[in-house]
Protein backbone atom coordinates (compact mmCIF):
# COMPACT_ATOMS: atom_id res chain seq x y z
CA MET A 1 -25.94 -86.72 -147.91
CA LEU A 2 -28.18 -84.61 -145.72
CA GLY A 3 -27.05 -81.50 -147.58
CA ILE A 4 -27.91 -83.11 -150.91
CA LYS A 5 -31.37 -84.06 -149.65
CA ARG A 6 -31.96 -80.52 -148.46
CA LEU A 7 -30.93 -79.17 -151.86
CA GLY A 8 -33.32 -81.60 -153.51
CA LEU A 9 -36.14 -80.47 -151.23
CA LEU A 10 -35.40 -76.81 -151.96
CA ALA A 11 -35.41 -77.48 -155.69
CA ALA A 12 -38.76 -79.23 -155.40
CA LEU A 13 -40.21 -76.30 -153.46
CA VAL A 14 -38.92 -73.87 -156.06
CA LEU A 15 -40.54 -75.89 -158.84
CA VAL A 16 -43.79 -76.03 -156.92
CA GLY A 17 -43.70 -72.25 -156.62
CA VAL A 18 -42.86 -71.73 -160.31
CA ALA A 19 -45.65 -73.95 -161.65
CA PRO A 20 -48.57 -71.87 -160.32
CA ALA A 21 -46.84 -68.68 -161.49
CA ALA A 22 -46.45 -70.10 -164.99
CA ALA A 23 -50.05 -71.25 -164.96
CA ALA A 24 -51.21 -67.81 -163.88
CA GLN A 25 -49.20 -66.19 -166.66
CA ALA A 26 -50.75 -68.54 -169.21
CA ALA A 27 -54.22 -67.81 -167.86
CA ALA A 28 -53.59 -64.09 -168.30
CA GLN A 29 -53.27 -64.43 -172.08
CA PRO A 30 -56.11 -62.51 -173.76
CA SER A 31 -58.79 -64.41 -175.63
CA THR A 32 -59.39 -64.08 -179.38
CA GLN A 33 -62.32 -61.81 -178.53
CA ASP A 34 -60.12 -59.50 -176.45
CA THR A 35 -57.29 -59.51 -178.98
CA GLN A 36 -59.51 -58.75 -181.95
CA TYR A 37 -61.29 -55.98 -180.08
CA LEU A 38 -58.00 -54.26 -179.22
CA GLN A 39 -56.78 -54.53 -182.80
CA ALA A 40 -60.07 -53.37 -184.32
CA VAL A 41 -60.62 -50.44 -181.97
CA HIS A 42 -57.02 -49.32 -182.56
CA GLN A 43 -57.68 -49.16 -186.29
CA VAL A 44 -60.86 -47.21 -185.60
CA ASN A 45 -58.86 -44.74 -183.52
CA LEU A 46 -56.30 -44.31 -186.29
CA PHE A 47 -59.11 -43.63 -188.74
CA GLU A 48 -60.92 -41.22 -186.41
CA ILE A 49 -57.78 -39.19 -185.71
CA THR A 50 -57.22 -38.73 -189.45
CA ALA A 51 -60.91 -38.06 -190.14
CA GLY A 52 -60.98 -35.53 -187.31
CA ASP A 53 -58.09 -33.66 -188.89
CA LEU A 54 -59.86 -33.65 -192.25
CA ALA A 55 -63.07 -32.31 -190.69
CA GLN A 56 -61.18 -29.38 -189.17
CA GLN A 57 -59.36 -28.66 -192.42
CA LYS A 58 -62.10 -29.23 -194.99
CA GLY A 59 -65.44 -28.98 -193.22
CA GLN A 60 -67.67 -26.20 -194.51
CA ASN A 61 -70.04 -26.32 -191.55
CA GLN A 62 -68.63 -25.15 -188.22
CA GLY A 63 -70.38 -28.02 -186.46
CA VAL A 64 -68.42 -30.49 -188.59
CA LYS A 65 -65.17 -28.73 -187.72
CA ASP A 66 -65.94 -28.66 -184.01
CA LEU A 67 -67.08 -32.29 -183.85
CA GLY A 68 -64.01 -33.35 -185.83
CA ALA A 69 -61.82 -31.71 -183.20
CA MET A 70 -63.72 -33.52 -180.44
CA LEU A 71 -63.39 -36.91 -182.15
CA LYS A 72 -59.68 -36.44 -182.72
CA THR A 73 -59.06 -35.53 -179.06
CA ASP A 74 -61.22 -38.31 -177.62
CA HIS A 75 -59.93 -41.05 -179.91
CA THR A 76 -56.32 -39.99 -179.32
CA GLN A 77 -56.89 -40.37 -175.58
CA LEU A 78 -58.69 -43.68 -176.05
CA ASP A 79 -55.88 -45.02 -178.19
CA GLN A 80 -53.31 -44.27 -175.52
CA THR A 81 -55.18 -46.68 -173.24
CA VAL A 82 -55.55 -49.21 -176.07
CA GLN A 83 -51.81 -49.16 -176.75
CA GLN A 84 -50.93 -49.47 -173.05
CA THR A 85 -53.31 -52.38 -172.58
CA ALA A 86 -52.11 -54.14 -175.73
CA SER A 87 -48.49 -53.73 -174.62
CA GLN A 88 -49.23 -55.25 -171.21
CA LEU A 89 -50.95 -58.22 -172.87
CA ASN A 90 -48.38 -58.62 -175.67
CA VAL A 91 -51.01 -57.99 -178.33
CA GLU A 92 -49.58 -56.72 -181.61
CA LEU A 93 -51.56 -53.81 -183.05
CA PRO A 94 -51.87 -52.78 -186.72
CA ASN A 95 -49.87 -49.70 -187.64
CA GLU A 96 -52.41 -48.18 -190.03
CA PRO A 97 -56.15 -48.12 -190.76
CA SER A 98 -57.61 -51.00 -192.77
CA ALA A 99 -57.60 -50.83 -196.56
CA ASP A 100 -61.31 -50.02 -196.61
CA GLN A 101 -60.87 -47.32 -193.97
CA GLN A 102 -58.13 -45.83 -196.11
CA THR A 103 -60.51 -45.85 -199.07
CA VAL A 104 -62.92 -43.70 -197.10
CA ILE A 105 -60.10 -41.35 -196.10
CA ASP A 106 -59.18 -41.03 -199.79
CA ARG A 107 -62.80 -40.27 -200.65
CA LEU A 108 -62.95 -37.57 -197.97
CA ASN A 109 -59.70 -36.11 -199.28
CA ASN A 110 -61.31 -35.77 -202.70
CA ALA A 111 -64.55 -34.20 -201.43
CA SER A 112 -65.14 -30.56 -200.63
CA GLY A 113 -67.79 -28.14 -199.39
CA LYS A 114 -71.22 -29.53 -198.59
CA GLU A 115 -70.30 -32.83 -200.25
CA PHE A 116 -67.48 -33.30 -197.74
CA ASP A 117 -69.76 -32.48 -194.80
CA ARG A 118 -72.35 -35.00 -195.99
CA GLU A 119 -69.77 -37.74 -196.65
CA TRP A 120 -68.09 -37.16 -193.31
CA VAL A 121 -71.22 -37.12 -191.17
CA THR A 122 -72.73 -40.16 -192.92
CA ALA A 123 -69.52 -42.16 -192.54
CA GLU A 124 -69.11 -41.20 -188.90
CA LEU A 125 -72.70 -42.07 -188.02
CA ALA A 126 -72.54 -45.56 -189.45
CA GLY A 127 -69.04 -46.09 -188.09
CA HIS A 128 -70.02 -45.20 -184.54
CA VAL A 129 -72.99 -47.57 -184.66
CA GLN A 130 -70.57 -50.41 -185.39
CA SER A 131 -68.04 -49.20 -182.79
CA ILE A 132 -70.71 -49.11 -180.09
CA GLN A 133 -72.00 -52.57 -180.97
CA ALA A 134 -68.49 -54.05 -180.94
CA THR A 135 -67.76 -52.38 -177.60
CA GLN A 136 -70.98 -53.76 -176.10
CA THR A 137 -69.96 -57.21 -177.35
CA GLU A 138 -66.56 -56.91 -175.65
CA ILE A 139 -68.22 -55.87 -172.40
CA SER A 140 -70.53 -58.90 -172.47
CA GLN A 141 -68.13 -61.49 -173.90
CA GLY A 142 -64.59 -60.36 -173.09
CA SER A 143 -62.59 -62.42 -170.62
CA GLU A 144 -59.57 -60.20 -169.91
CA GLN A 145 -60.64 -57.68 -167.27
CA SER A 146 -58.36 -54.89 -168.46
CA VAL A 147 -59.84 -55.04 -171.98
CA VAL A 148 -63.40 -55.25 -170.65
CA GLN A 149 -62.71 -52.24 -168.43
CA LEU A 150 -61.32 -50.35 -171.42
CA ALA A 151 -64.52 -51.07 -173.34
CA GLN A 152 -66.69 -50.00 -170.39
CA ASN A 153 -64.82 -46.71 -170.17
CA ALA A 154 -65.00 -46.14 -173.94
CA LEU A 155 -68.72 -46.80 -174.34
CA PRO A 156 -70.05 -43.51 -172.87
CA THR A 157 -67.66 -41.53 -175.08
CA LEU A 158 -68.71 -43.42 -178.21
CA GLN A 159 -72.37 -42.94 -177.32
CA ALA A 160 -71.80 -39.20 -176.79
CA HIS A 161 -70.15 -39.00 -180.21
CA TYR A 162 -73.10 -40.77 -181.80
CA ASP A 163 -75.61 -38.46 -180.13
CA GLU A 164 -73.70 -35.39 -181.36
CA LEU A 165 -73.52 -36.85 -184.87
CA VAL A 166 -77.29 -37.44 -184.89
CA ARG A 167 -77.93 -33.85 -183.83
CA LEU A 168 -75.55 -32.55 -186.49
CA ALA A 169 -77.11 -34.76 -189.16
CA ASN A 170 -80.57 -33.46 -188.27
CA GLN A 171 -79.34 -29.87 -188.53
CA LEU A 172 -77.80 -30.49 -191.94
CA GLY A 173 -80.68 -32.57 -193.30
CA ILE A 174 -78.54 -35.69 -193.57
CA PRO A 175 -80.42 -39.02 -193.20
CA VAL A 176 -79.52 -40.94 -190.06
CA PRO A 177 -78.78 -44.64 -190.71
CA GLN A 178 -81.10 -47.19 -189.17
CA THR A 179 -79.74 -48.44 -185.87
CA SER A 180 -81.52 -51.77 -185.45
CA ALA A 181 -79.49 -54.36 -183.59
CA SER A 182 -77.39 -56.64 -185.74
CA GLY A 183 -75.50 -59.81 -184.88
CA THR A 184 -71.73 -60.00 -185.10
CA PRO A 185 -70.19 -63.37 -186.06
CA SER A 186 -67.79 -65.03 -183.67
CA PRO A 187 -64.04 -64.84 -184.29
CA GLY A 188 -62.90 -67.43 -186.78
CA GLY A 189 -66.11 -67.23 -188.81
CA THR A 190 -66.66 -65.21 -191.93
CA SER A 191 -64.97 -61.82 -191.90
CA PRO A 192 -67.45 -59.34 -190.48
CA PRO A 193 -66.75 -55.62 -190.38
CA ALA A 194 -64.58 -54.01 -187.75
CA PRO A 195 -65.93 -51.30 -185.47
CA GLY A 196 -66.70 -48.25 -187.55
CA THR A 197 -66.25 -50.15 -190.78
CA THR A 198 -69.42 -51.49 -192.39
CA GLU A 199 -71.83 -49.88 -194.75
CA THR A 200 -75.16 -49.10 -193.11
CA PRO A 201 -77.95 -47.93 -195.41
CA ALA A 202 -79.73 -44.75 -194.50
CA PRO A 203 -83.54 -44.83 -194.68
CA GLY A 204 -84.71 -43.92 -198.14
CA THR A 205 -81.21 -43.58 -199.54
CA THR A 206 -78.59 -45.68 -201.20
CA GLU A 207 -75.99 -47.34 -199.02
CA ALA A 208 -73.78 -44.83 -197.30
CA PRO A 209 -70.00 -45.26 -197.37
CA VAL A 210 -68.48 -45.64 -193.97
CA PRO A 211 -64.94 -46.07 -192.68
CA GLY A 212 -63.52 -49.50 -193.38
CA GLY A 213 -64.97 -52.81 -194.43
CA THR A 214 -63.83 -56.41 -193.99
CA GLU A 215 -60.16 -56.04 -193.10
CA ALA A 216 -60.44 -56.52 -189.32
CA PRO A 217 -63.09 -58.93 -187.99
CA LEU A 218 -65.46 -57.80 -185.33
CA PRO A 219 -64.92 -59.67 -182.07
CA GLY A 220 -67.85 -61.38 -180.47
CA GLY A 221 -70.80 -63.35 -181.60
CA THR A 222 -74.13 -62.32 -180.10
CA GLU A 223 -76.49 -59.55 -180.97
CA ALA A 224 -75.66 -56.22 -179.39
CA PRO A 225 -78.26 -53.50 -178.86
CA ALA A 226 -77.96 -50.54 -181.14
CA PRO A 227 -77.00 -47.12 -179.80
CA SER A 228 -79.81 -44.83 -178.81
CA ALA A 229 -79.99 -41.32 -180.13
CA SER A 230 -80.66 -39.07 -177.15
């Protein structure tokens, strides 16, 4: 009888030890904000890698070619971290850019010469504004530390890309889209644009096409400050 009691006590202790572990595992599940950010930024990376290739192949201006190479390298490295983080958190990532991002890729494929340079720079400018705003939202509203840290590490790179794009646009006489802060609806609301995916009108011009559209919602819900052109 004593042996049975001891076994019962051991079983109870084991269960007591398992319960906190299970609770900790459940608590580690990423929030909707974190999940949507990982998915959206992955699609942005897929788009940027393809767009970077196109810039090197089709760009007429050497600055477009060089910046395309930089974007491809940086977004490839960023996506390695995104994929590792998503794997650790069991977040399933899309395997291709959004339909609207693919539309922009198709448009770039069909452009050439100065038209390609203009289309590419305009799309990249507006796309990086959205990417920076979504990343700032993740930093302020994310709950999973590994995803927040990813966003914190990505932000300086995205800002550097934006600054280079502004300088290139000024050199080529391409209007720079307005960068006033804009709110991003919370997950579960209407489908807002993913990072790098909405159309942002340039001052004095018609709306400029940018990568993507409404396929992947932006995580977050409060206004994020716009990037600064340094």
